[in-house]
N, C-alpha and C. Protein backbone atom coordinates (compact mmCIF):
# COMPACT_ATOMS: atom_id res chain seq x y z
N MET A 1 -6.19 -11.10 10.59
CA MET A 1 -6.25 -12.56 11.03
C MET A 1 -7.50 -12.73 11.81
N ARG A 2 -8.25 -13.73 11.62
CA ARG A 2 -9.49 -14.10 12.17
C ARG A 2 -9.03 -14.74 13.52
N PRO A 3 -9.85 -14.25 14.54
CA PRO A 3 -9.51 -14.89 15.92
C PRO A 3 -10.10 -16.40 15.90
N PRO A 4 -9.29 -17.19 16.73
CA PRO A 4 -9.62 -18.65 16.62
C PRO A 4 -11.23 -18.81 16.87
N GLY A 5 -11.72 -19.89 16.21
CA GLY A 5 -13.09 -20.26 16.42
C GLY A 5 -14.10 -19.29 15.81
N LYS A 6 -13.66 -18.18 15.29
CA LYS A 6 -14.69 -17.31 14.57
C LYS A 6 -14.63 -17.54 13.10
N SER A 7 -15.85 -17.40 12.55
CA SER A 7 -16.02 -17.60 11.15
C SER A 7 -16.57 -16.26 10.59
N PRO A 8 -16.40 -15.94 9.28
CA PRO A 8 -16.97 -14.66 8.81
C PRO A 8 -18.43 -14.83 8.63
N LEU A 9 -19.01 -13.78 8.62
CA LEU A 9 -20.50 -13.78 8.58
C LEU A 9 -20.81 -12.54 7.50
N THR A 10 -21.84 -12.57 6.98
CA THR A 10 -22.41 -11.67 6.07
C THR A 10 -23.34 -10.71 6.72
N ILE A 11 -23.06 -9.32 6.92
CA ILE A 11 -24.01 -8.46 7.43
C ILE A 11 -24.23 -7.37 6.55
N PRO A 12 -25.32 -6.73 6.55
CA PRO A 12 -25.63 -5.81 5.47
C PRO A 12 -24.58 -4.70 5.23
N SER A 13 -24.44 -4.33 4.02
CA SER A 13 -23.54 -3.13 3.82
C SER A 13 -24.19 -1.85 3.83
N ALA A 14 -23.55 -0.67 3.81
CA ALA A 14 -24.07 0.62 4.01
C ALA A 14 -24.85 0.81 2.86
N VAL A 15 -24.70 0.24 1.72
CA VAL A 15 -25.53 0.36 0.47
C VAL A 15 -26.31 -0.92 0.17
N SER A 16 -27.61 -0.83 0.18
CA SER A 16 -28.38 -1.95 0.03
C SER A 16 -29.56 -1.65 -0.85
N GLY A 17 -30.33 -2.77 -1.13
CA GLY A 17 -31.49 -2.61 -2.10
C GLY A 17 -31.05 -2.06 -3.38
N PRO A 18 -32.01 -1.49 -4.02
CA PRO A 18 -31.81 -1.15 -5.34
C PRO A 18 -30.50 -0.46 -5.59
N GLU A 19 -29.85 0.34 -4.60
CA GLU A 19 -28.65 0.95 -4.80
C GLU A 19 -27.42 0.06 -4.89
N ARG A 20 -27.64 -1.28 -4.40
CA ARG A 20 -26.46 -2.35 -4.63
C ARG A 20 -26.44 -2.91 -6.02
N ALA A 21 -27.47 -2.53 -6.74
CA ALA A 21 -27.65 -3.16 -8.08
C ALA A 21 -26.24 -3.13 -8.87
N ASN A 22 -25.74 -4.01 -9.52
CA ASN A 22 -24.48 -4.12 -10.26
C ASN A 22 -23.29 -4.01 -9.39
N SER A 23 -23.40 -4.04 -8.05
CA SER A 23 -22.10 -4.01 -7.18
C SER A 23 -21.48 -5.25 -6.74
N GLY A 24 -22.28 -6.32 -7.08
CA GLY A 24 -21.59 -7.64 -6.67
C GLY A 24 -22.13 -8.15 -5.38
N PRO A 25 -21.59 -9.37 -4.84
CA PRO A 25 -22.08 -9.89 -3.75
C PRO A 25 -21.94 -9.07 -2.44
N GLU A 26 -22.65 -9.25 -1.53
CA GLU A 26 -22.27 -8.57 -0.11
C GLU A 26 -20.93 -8.97 0.22
N PRO A 27 -20.28 -8.04 0.72
CA PRO A 27 -18.81 -8.45 1.32
C PRO A 27 -19.00 -9.18 2.60
N THR A 28 -17.99 -9.99 2.75
CA THR A 28 -17.93 -10.85 4.04
C THR A 28 -17.20 -9.93 5.03
N ARG A 29 -17.95 -10.13 6.23
CA ARG A 29 -17.50 -9.25 7.27
C ARG A 29 -17.41 -10.00 8.62
N SER A 30 -16.70 -9.61 9.60
CA SER A 30 -16.36 -10.41 10.72
C SER A 30 -16.92 -9.81 11.90
N PRO A 31 -17.63 -10.24 12.94
CA PRO A 31 -18.33 -9.51 13.98
C PRO A 31 -17.22 -8.96 14.87
N TRP A 32 -16.14 -9.27 14.99
CA TRP A 32 -15.12 -8.71 15.98
C TRP A 32 -14.51 -7.56 15.37
N LEU A 33 -14.78 -7.01 14.14
CA LEU A 33 -14.06 -5.96 13.51
C LEU A 33 -14.81 -4.56 13.76
N GLY A 34 -16.01 -4.50 14.14
CA GLY A 34 -16.54 -3.23 14.45
C GLY A 34 -17.55 -3.30 15.40
N LEU A 35 -18.20 -2.16 15.93
CA LEU A 35 -19.07 -2.13 16.86
C LEU A 35 -20.48 -2.38 16.26
N SER A 36 -21.03 -3.51 16.37
CA SER A 36 -22.29 -3.77 15.82
C SER A 36 -22.50 -3.61 14.32
N GLY A 37 -21.34 -3.84 13.80
CA GLY A 37 -21.26 -3.78 12.37
C GLY A 37 -21.26 -2.33 11.72
N THR A 38 -20.82 -1.26 12.60
CA THR A 38 -20.85 -0.03 12.29
C THR A 38 -19.59 0.42 11.54
N LEU A 39 -18.47 -0.40 11.61
CA LEU A 39 -17.26 -0.05 11.06
C LEU A 39 -17.48 -0.53 9.57
N ILE A 40 -17.36 0.62 8.72
CA ILE A 40 -17.51 0.37 7.28
C ILE A 40 -16.24 -0.18 6.76
N GLU A 41 -16.11 -1.33 6.13
CA GLU A 41 -14.77 -1.85 5.37
C GLU A 41 -15.06 -1.98 4.13
N SER A 42 -14.03 -1.85 3.35
CA SER A 42 -14.03 -2.09 1.94
C SER A 42 -13.72 -3.62 1.54
N ARG A 43 -14.00 -4.01 0.24
CA ARG A 43 -13.61 -5.16 -0.21
C ARG A 43 -12.14 -5.21 -0.28
N ALA A 44 -11.40 -4.00 -0.53
CA ALA A 44 -9.87 -4.16 -0.63
C ALA A 44 -9.34 -4.57 0.61
N GLN A 45 -10.03 -4.19 1.89
CA GLN A 45 -9.50 -4.75 3.09
C GLN A 45 -10.00 -6.12 3.55
N ILE A 46 -11.05 -6.38 3.07
CA ILE A 46 -11.64 -7.73 3.31
C ILE A 46 -11.23 -8.98 2.36
N GLY A 47 -11.15 -8.67 1.11
CA GLY A 47 -10.88 -9.71 0.14
C GLY A 47 -11.92 -10.56 0.00
N GLU A 48 -11.67 -11.45 -1.13
CA GLU A 48 -12.91 -12.27 -1.53
C GLU A 48 -13.03 -13.48 -0.53
N ARG A 49 -11.90 -13.80 0.14
CA ARG A 49 -12.22 -14.98 0.98
C ARG A 49 -12.29 -14.74 2.52
N GLY A 50 -12.80 -13.58 2.75
CA GLY A 50 -12.92 -13.21 4.27
C GLY A 50 -11.82 -12.31 4.70
N CYS A 51 -11.80 -11.98 5.92
CA CYS A 51 -10.87 -10.92 6.51
C CYS A 51 -9.37 -11.48 6.31
N ASN A 52 -8.59 -10.49 5.76
CA ASN A 52 -7.20 -10.82 5.58
C ASN A 52 -6.23 -9.91 5.99
N MET A 53 -6.79 -8.90 6.67
CA MET A 53 -5.95 -7.78 7.29
C MET A 53 -6.59 -7.04 8.30
N LYS A 54 -6.17 -6.36 9.21
CA LYS A 54 -6.73 -5.54 10.19
C LYS A 54 -7.55 -4.36 9.42
N PRO A 55 -8.74 -4.04 10.08
CA PRO A 55 -9.45 -2.86 9.47
C PRO A 55 -8.80 -1.42 9.56
N GLN A 56 -8.97 -0.69 8.54
CA GLN A 56 -8.35 0.68 8.49
C GLN A 56 -9.19 1.49 9.32
N PRO A 57 -8.45 2.01 10.43
CA PRO A 57 -9.33 2.95 11.21
C PRO A 57 -9.70 4.22 10.73
N ILE A 58 -9.02 4.79 9.65
CA ILE A 58 -9.39 5.99 9.08
C ILE A 58 -9.31 5.86 7.52
N ILE A 59 -10.35 6.14 6.81
CA ILE A 59 -10.35 5.92 5.28
C ILE A 59 -10.43 7.21 4.56
N PRO A 60 -9.31 7.72 3.86
CA PRO A 60 -9.38 8.92 3.24
C PRO A 60 -10.52 8.82 2.15
N LEU A 61 -11.07 10.05 1.95
CA LEU A 61 -12.17 10.13 0.84
C LEU A 61 -11.86 11.26 -0.06
N ARG A 62 -11.93 11.08 -1.38
CA ARG A 62 -11.45 11.97 -2.36
C ARG A 62 -12.92 12.08 -3.23
N VAL A 63 -13.28 13.36 -3.50
CA VAL A 63 -14.53 13.68 -4.40
C VAL A 63 -14.14 14.05 -5.71
N TYR A 64 -14.89 13.47 -6.78
CA TYR A 64 -14.72 13.72 -8.04
C TYR A 64 -16.04 13.90 -8.86
N ASP A 65 -15.94 14.78 -9.94
CA ASP A 65 -17.05 14.95 -10.60
C ASP A 65 -17.34 13.62 -11.68
N ASP A 66 -16.14 13.00 -12.10
CA ASP A 66 -16.15 11.80 -12.83
C ASP A 66 -15.41 10.61 -12.05
N MET A 67 -16.32 9.94 -11.34
CA MET A 67 -15.55 8.87 -10.42
C MET A 67 -14.95 7.91 -11.21
N GLU A 68 -15.35 7.36 -12.22
CA GLU A 68 -14.87 6.44 -13.12
C GLU A 68 -13.50 6.84 -13.74
N ALA A 69 -13.41 8.06 -14.29
CA ALA A 69 -12.18 8.52 -14.76
C ALA A 69 -11.14 8.71 -13.60
N ALA A 70 -11.49 9.11 -12.59
CA ALA A 70 -10.64 9.30 -11.39
C ALA A 70 -9.98 7.85 -11.06
N GLN A 71 -11.02 6.85 -10.73
CA GLN A 71 -10.40 5.70 -10.62
C GLN A 71 -9.38 5.06 -11.71
N ARG A 72 -9.74 5.44 -12.94
CA ARG A 72 -8.65 4.76 -14.01
C ARG A 72 -7.45 5.59 -13.88
N PHE A 73 -7.43 6.87 -13.69
CA PHE A 73 -6.35 7.62 -13.61
C PHE A 73 -5.41 7.14 -12.31
N LEU A 74 -6.10 7.12 -11.24
CA LEU A 74 -5.37 6.73 -10.06
C LEU A 74 -4.75 5.29 -10.02
N VAL A 75 -5.35 4.47 -10.95
CA VAL A 75 -4.72 3.03 -11.19
C VAL A 75 -3.54 3.26 -12.23
N ASP A 76 -4.01 3.90 -13.32
CA ASP A 76 -2.97 3.96 -14.44
C ASP A 76 -1.87 4.64 -14.27
N VAL A 77 -1.95 5.89 -13.55
CA VAL A 77 -1.06 6.83 -13.48
C VAL A 77 -0.30 6.93 -12.20
N PHE A 78 -1.05 6.70 -11.15
CA PHE A 78 -0.50 6.75 -9.78
C PHE A 78 -0.15 5.51 -9.25
N GLY A 79 -0.64 4.42 -9.95
CA GLY A 79 -0.32 2.92 -9.56
C GLY A 79 -1.03 2.48 -8.34
N PHE A 80 -2.28 2.88 -8.13
CA PHE A 80 -3.06 2.26 -7.17
C PHE A 80 -3.71 0.89 -7.66
N LYS A 81 -4.05 0.13 -6.76
CA LYS A 81 -4.79 -1.18 -7.20
C LYS A 81 -6.28 -0.77 -7.35
N GLN A 82 -7.01 -1.23 -8.42
CA GLN A 82 -8.30 -0.98 -8.45
C GLN A 82 -9.18 -1.67 -7.60
N GLY A 83 -10.08 -0.97 -7.03
CA GLY A 83 -11.02 -1.75 -6.00
C GLY A 83 -12.58 -1.70 -6.64
N ARG A 84 -13.32 -1.62 -5.95
CA ARG A 84 -14.77 -1.83 -6.44
C ARG A 84 -15.22 -0.48 -7.12
N LEU A 85 -16.25 -0.67 -7.87
CA LEU A 85 -17.11 0.54 -8.48
C LEU A 85 -18.55 0.08 -8.45
N ASP A 86 -19.26 0.68 -7.43
CA ASP A 86 -20.54 0.50 -7.10
C ASP A 86 -21.49 1.45 -8.04
N ARG A 87 -22.49 1.00 -8.57
CA ARG A 87 -23.53 1.85 -9.40
C ARG A 87 -24.89 1.92 -8.72
N ASP A 88 -25.74 2.90 -9.02
CA ASP A 88 -27.05 2.86 -8.71
C ASP A 88 -27.90 2.16 -9.86
N PRO A 89 -29.17 1.92 -9.57
CA PRO A 89 -29.91 1.29 -10.70
C PRO A 89 -29.87 1.79 -12.01
N SER A 90 -29.63 3.24 -12.08
CA SER A 90 -29.67 3.77 -13.45
C SER A 90 -28.25 3.71 -14.07
N GLY A 91 -27.28 3.01 -13.27
CA GLY A 91 -25.92 3.04 -13.95
C GLY A 91 -24.93 3.89 -13.46
N ARG A 92 -25.23 4.82 -12.59
CA ARG A 92 -24.65 6.10 -12.23
C ARG A 92 -23.64 5.56 -11.07
N PRO A 93 -22.31 5.82 -11.19
CA PRO A 93 -21.36 5.50 -10.06
C PRO A 93 -21.61 6.20 -8.86
N VAL A 94 -21.75 5.44 -7.75
CA VAL A 94 -22.01 6.05 -6.41
C VAL A 94 -20.96 5.65 -5.40
N HIS A 95 -20.09 4.81 -5.67
CA HIS A 95 -18.99 4.57 -4.86
C HIS A 95 -17.87 3.90 -5.57
N ALA A 96 -16.62 4.22 -5.17
CA ALA A 96 -15.53 3.55 -5.82
C ALA A 96 -14.40 3.50 -4.74
N GLU A 97 -13.28 2.76 -5.17
CA GLU A 97 -12.16 2.46 -4.31
C GLU A 97 -10.92 2.23 -5.02
N VAL A 98 -9.91 2.72 -4.47
CA VAL A 98 -8.60 2.10 -4.82
C VAL A 98 -7.70 1.89 -3.65
N SER A 99 -6.58 1.11 -3.77
CA SER A 99 -5.84 0.78 -2.59
C SER A 99 -4.35 0.88 -2.98
N ASN A 100 -3.58 0.90 -1.76
CA ASN A 100 -2.15 0.79 -1.91
C ASN A 100 -1.69 0.11 -0.77
N GLY A 101 -1.18 -1.19 -0.88
CA GLY A 101 -0.92 -1.87 0.23
C GLY A 101 -2.15 -2.24 1.07
N ASP A 102 -2.05 -2.07 2.30
CA ASP A 102 -3.32 -2.37 3.05
C ASP A 102 -4.13 -1.08 3.30
N SER A 103 -3.87 0.03 2.43
CA SER A 103 -4.69 1.22 2.76
C SER A 103 -5.67 1.36 1.67
N VAL A 104 -6.91 1.78 1.85
CA VAL A 104 -7.91 2.04 0.87
C VAL A 104 -8.22 3.51 0.74
N ILE A 105 -8.59 4.02 -0.39
CA ILE A 105 -9.09 5.30 -0.39
C ILE A 105 -10.53 5.21 -1.16
N TRP A 106 -11.45 6.02 -0.67
CA TRP A 106 -12.88 5.99 -1.11
C TRP A 106 -12.77 7.07 -2.15
N ILE A 107 -13.58 6.89 -3.33
CA ILE A 107 -13.81 7.73 -4.38
C ILE A 107 -15.44 8.13 -4.26
N HIS A 108 -15.74 9.23 -4.17
CA HIS A 108 -16.99 9.67 -3.89
C HIS A 108 -17.37 10.60 -4.97
N ARG A 109 -18.79 10.56 -5.18
CA ARG A 109 -19.31 11.56 -6.30
C ARG A 109 -19.47 12.95 -5.71
N VAL A 110 -19.54 13.83 -6.44
CA VAL A 110 -19.73 15.16 -5.92
C VAL A 110 -21.32 15.13 -5.37
N ALA A 111 -21.56 15.74 -4.11
CA ALA A 111 -22.70 15.80 -3.73
C ALA A 111 -22.89 17.02 -2.80
N PRO A 112 -23.45 18.02 -3.65
CA PRO A 112 -23.65 19.32 -2.93
C PRO A 112 -24.52 19.20 -1.66
N GLU A 113 -25.49 18.31 -1.64
CA GLU A 113 -26.34 18.21 -0.59
C GLU A 113 -25.71 17.63 0.66
N HIS A 114 -24.44 17.29 0.56
CA HIS A 114 -23.61 16.74 1.68
C HIS A 114 -22.37 17.66 1.84
N GLY A 115 -22.41 18.95 0.92
CA GLY A 115 -21.16 19.56 0.96
C GLY A 115 -19.91 19.17 0.27
N LEU A 116 -20.04 18.19 -0.60
CA LEU A 116 -18.83 17.56 -1.20
C LEU A 116 -18.73 18.05 -2.64
N VAL A 117 -17.57 18.76 -2.84
CA VAL A 117 -17.38 19.28 -4.28
C VAL A 117 -16.05 18.82 -4.76
N SER A 118 -15.81 18.93 -6.15
CA SER A 118 -14.61 18.48 -6.78
C SER A 118 -13.56 19.57 -6.33
N ALA A 119 -12.39 19.01 -6.29
CA ALA A 119 -11.16 19.98 -6.02
C ALA A 119 -11.06 21.03 -7.23
N ARG A 120 -11.46 20.54 -8.42
CA ARG A 120 -11.50 21.69 -9.42
C ARG A 120 -12.40 22.94 -9.24
N SER A 121 -13.30 22.74 -8.39
CA SER A 121 -14.32 23.91 -7.95
C SER A 121 -13.61 24.85 -7.04
N LEU A 122 -12.64 24.49 -6.32
CA LEU A 122 -11.99 25.12 -5.29
C LEU A 122 -10.74 26.15 -5.74
N PRO A 123 -10.62 27.32 -5.18
CA PRO A 123 -9.39 28.10 -5.58
C PRO A 123 -8.22 27.59 -5.04
N ALA A 124 -8.14 26.66 -3.96
CA ALA A 124 -6.99 26.01 -3.35
C ALA A 124 -7.28 24.81 -2.66
N GLN A 125 -6.22 24.13 -2.35
CA GLN A 125 -6.50 22.75 -1.62
C GLN A 125 -6.01 23.04 -0.15
N PRO A 126 -6.88 22.67 0.74
CA PRO A 126 -6.41 22.74 2.22
C PRO A 126 -5.50 21.76 2.79
N GLY A 127 -5.17 20.71 1.89
CA GLY A 127 -4.20 19.68 2.17
C GLY A 127 -4.09 18.51 1.14
N GLY A 128 -3.41 17.67 1.28
CA GLY A 128 -3.25 16.45 0.45
C GLY A 128 -3.14 15.24 1.11
N LEU A 129 -2.90 14.18 0.29
CA LEU A 129 -2.64 12.82 0.93
C LEU A 129 -1.24 12.48 0.69
N VAL A 130 -0.62 11.89 1.62
CA VAL A 130 0.90 11.28 1.42
C VAL A 130 0.79 9.81 1.16
N VAL A 131 1.36 9.38 0.09
CA VAL A 131 1.29 7.88 -0.15
C VAL A 131 2.73 7.51 -0.14
N PHE A 132 3.15 6.39 0.57
CA PHE A 132 4.43 5.98 0.55
C PHE A 132 4.64 4.88 -0.73
N VAL A 133 5.63 4.99 -1.47
CA VAL A 133 5.90 4.11 -2.53
C VAL A 133 7.36 3.53 -2.32
N GLU A 134 7.51 2.48 -3.12
CA GLU A 134 8.91 1.74 -3.05
C GLU A 134 9.99 2.67 -3.46
N ASP A 135 9.91 3.28 -4.67
CA ASP A 135 10.81 4.02 -5.43
C ASP A 135 10.32 5.28 -6.01
N VAL A 136 10.37 6.33 -5.10
CA VAL A 136 9.68 7.73 -5.59
C VAL A 136 10.05 8.19 -6.82
N ASP A 137 11.37 8.05 -7.12
CA ASP A 137 11.72 8.70 -8.53
C ASP A 137 11.24 8.04 -9.58
N ALA A 138 11.10 6.50 -9.52
CA ALA A 138 10.50 5.70 -10.60
C ALA A 138 8.86 6.17 -10.68
N HIS A 139 8.38 6.33 -9.56
CA HIS A 139 6.99 6.65 -9.45
C HIS A 139 6.71 7.92 -10.17
N TYR A 140 7.57 8.94 -9.81
CA TYR A 140 7.52 10.39 -10.39
C TYR A 140 7.60 10.22 -11.96
N HIS A 141 8.49 9.51 -12.39
CA HIS A 141 8.80 9.51 -13.94
C HIS A 141 7.44 8.87 -14.63
N HIS A 142 6.96 7.64 -13.84
CA HIS A 142 5.69 7.12 -14.44
C HIS A 142 4.50 8.09 -14.33
N ALA A 143 4.44 8.83 -13.23
CA ALA A 143 3.19 9.70 -13.10
C ALA A 143 3.34 10.95 -14.11
N ARG A 144 4.46 11.36 -14.26
CA ARG A 144 4.73 12.52 -15.21
C ARG A 144 4.37 12.05 -16.66
N SER A 145 4.95 10.86 -17.18
CA SER A 145 4.54 10.52 -18.52
C SER A 145 3.20 10.07 -18.62
N GLY A 146 2.45 9.73 -17.48
CA GLY A 146 1.03 9.44 -17.53
C GLY A 146 0.18 10.66 -17.64
N GLY A 147 0.69 11.83 -17.50
CA GLY A 147 -0.05 13.04 -17.59
C GLY A 147 -0.53 13.64 -16.28
N ALA A 148 0.18 13.18 -15.15
CA ALA A 148 -0.15 13.98 -13.76
C ALA A 148 0.42 15.30 -14.01
N THR A 149 -0.22 16.20 -13.36
CA THR A 149 0.35 17.59 -13.08
C THR A 149 1.23 17.63 -11.94
N ILE A 150 2.58 17.85 -12.30
CA ILE A 150 3.60 17.79 -11.23
C ILE A 150 3.71 19.15 -10.58
N ASP A 151 3.53 19.33 -9.33
CA ASP A 151 3.72 20.68 -8.54
C ASP A 151 5.21 20.70 -8.16
N SER A 152 5.83 19.64 -7.77
CA SER A 152 7.42 19.64 -7.55
C SER A 152 7.86 18.32 -7.61
N PRO A 153 9.16 18.38 -8.19
CA PRO A 153 9.88 17.05 -8.53
C PRO A 153 10.28 16.56 -7.20
N PRO A 154 10.83 15.13 -7.39
CA PRO A 154 11.33 14.52 -6.15
C PRO A 154 12.42 15.29 -5.61
N ALA A 155 12.36 15.37 -4.18
CA ALA A 155 13.52 16.18 -3.34
C ALA A 155 13.66 15.48 -2.03
N ASP A 156 14.83 15.46 -1.44
CA ASP A 156 15.09 14.99 -0.24
C ASP A 156 14.59 15.98 0.84
N GLN A 157 13.75 15.50 1.77
CA GLN A 157 13.30 16.49 2.75
C GLN A 157 14.18 16.21 4.15
N ALA A 158 14.16 17.30 4.96
CA ALA A 158 14.89 17.28 6.26
C ALA A 158 14.36 16.41 7.15
N TYR A 159 12.98 15.99 6.86
CA TYR A 159 12.29 15.01 7.80
C TYR A 159 12.42 13.64 7.50
N GLY A 160 13.34 13.37 6.73
CA GLY A 160 13.72 11.97 6.39
C GLY A 160 13.22 11.14 5.25
N GLN A 161 12.57 11.94 4.30
CA GLN A 161 12.03 11.12 3.24
C GLN A 161 12.22 11.97 1.95
N ARG A 162 12.13 11.29 0.84
CA ARG A 162 12.23 11.89 -0.55
C ARG A 162 10.76 11.85 -0.93
N GLU A 163 10.42 13.11 -1.55
CA GLU A 163 8.96 13.11 -1.98
C GLU A 163 8.70 14.06 -3.18
N TYR A 164 7.73 13.99 -3.83
CA TYR A 164 7.41 14.87 -5.01
C TYR A 164 5.79 14.98 -4.72
N SER A 165 5.23 16.13 -5.27
CA SER A 165 3.80 16.35 -5.34
C SER A 165 3.19 16.46 -6.71
N ALA A 166 2.13 16.00 -6.85
CA ALA A 166 1.39 16.05 -8.03
C ALA A 166 -0.07 16.37 -7.93
N ARG A 167 -0.77 16.55 -8.88
CA ARG A 167 -2.16 16.56 -8.88
C ARG A 167 -2.98 15.73 -9.95
N ASP A 168 -4.17 15.07 -9.56
CA ASP A 168 -4.86 14.36 -10.49
C ASP A 168 -5.57 15.30 -11.46
N PRO A 169 -6.32 14.89 -12.45
CA PRO A 169 -6.96 15.74 -13.30
C PRO A 169 -8.20 16.68 -12.89
N GLU A 170 -8.52 16.39 -11.62
CA GLU A 170 -9.51 17.31 -10.83
C GLU A 170 -8.96 18.23 -9.89
N GLY A 171 -7.54 17.98 -9.76
CA GLY A 171 -6.80 19.04 -8.97
C GLY A 171 -6.60 18.65 -7.64
N ASN A 172 -7.05 17.35 -7.24
CA ASN A 172 -6.58 16.93 -5.89
C ASN A 172 -5.01 16.81 -5.65
N LEU A 173 -4.53 17.29 -4.59
CA LEU A 173 -3.04 17.31 -4.14
C LEU A 173 -2.60 16.01 -3.70
N TRP A 174 -1.49 15.27 -4.23
CA TRP A 174 -1.02 14.03 -3.65
C TRP A 174 0.46 14.37 -3.55
N TYR A 175 1.06 13.68 -2.52
CA TYR A 175 2.48 13.67 -2.34
C TYR A 175 2.84 12.08 -2.22
N PHE A 176 3.91 11.76 -3.02
CA PHE A 176 4.32 10.53 -3.07
C PHE A 176 5.77 10.43 -2.35
N ALA A 177 6.11 9.49 -1.52
CA ALA A 177 7.30 9.59 -0.78
C ALA A 177 7.93 8.38 -0.58
N THR A 178 9.09 8.31 -0.26
CA THR A 178 9.91 7.11 0.27
C THR A 178 10.76 7.49 1.25
N ARG A 179 10.62 6.74 2.37
CA ARG A 179 11.41 7.11 3.69
C ARG A 179 12.78 6.80 3.35
N ARG A 180 13.77 7.62 3.90
CA ARG A 180 15.15 7.37 3.74
C ARG A 180 15.84 6.96 5.09
């Protein structure tokens, strides 16, 4: 919610100039959300009409060889809402997003110069992301029928939730859960 008397303003995004080609209009940002505009927000958080939710203090990042295919899979199979897909002037994807409720996940390209590699190039995963859903059993059946690799079926956990684990086509580990 916008503080009284404040109106949204447009400040430069992290990607500007030729790199913003084909990415659409600059996102609307509010001056009270970050320190001198340093807090990077996504259109999924800001919305088309200005700020409509609190900024997300931590944004998970997943790295993929094929960002477009990853975004499609996450939307079609895991049920995320599709967010932006930014391209460089040559048409190559450079940034993408998906969201679940008020939370956004950034999808990044493989970038060895930054030490970012696809999960498929690793022998194991150091962790995963936990995503809360309305009905974990229905989510499981949808993901399984959509082609997700299932590591473990839904099960009640001693810590008060029912969850299952799955992997996307590049091997990233995901946990989907419903609190009990």
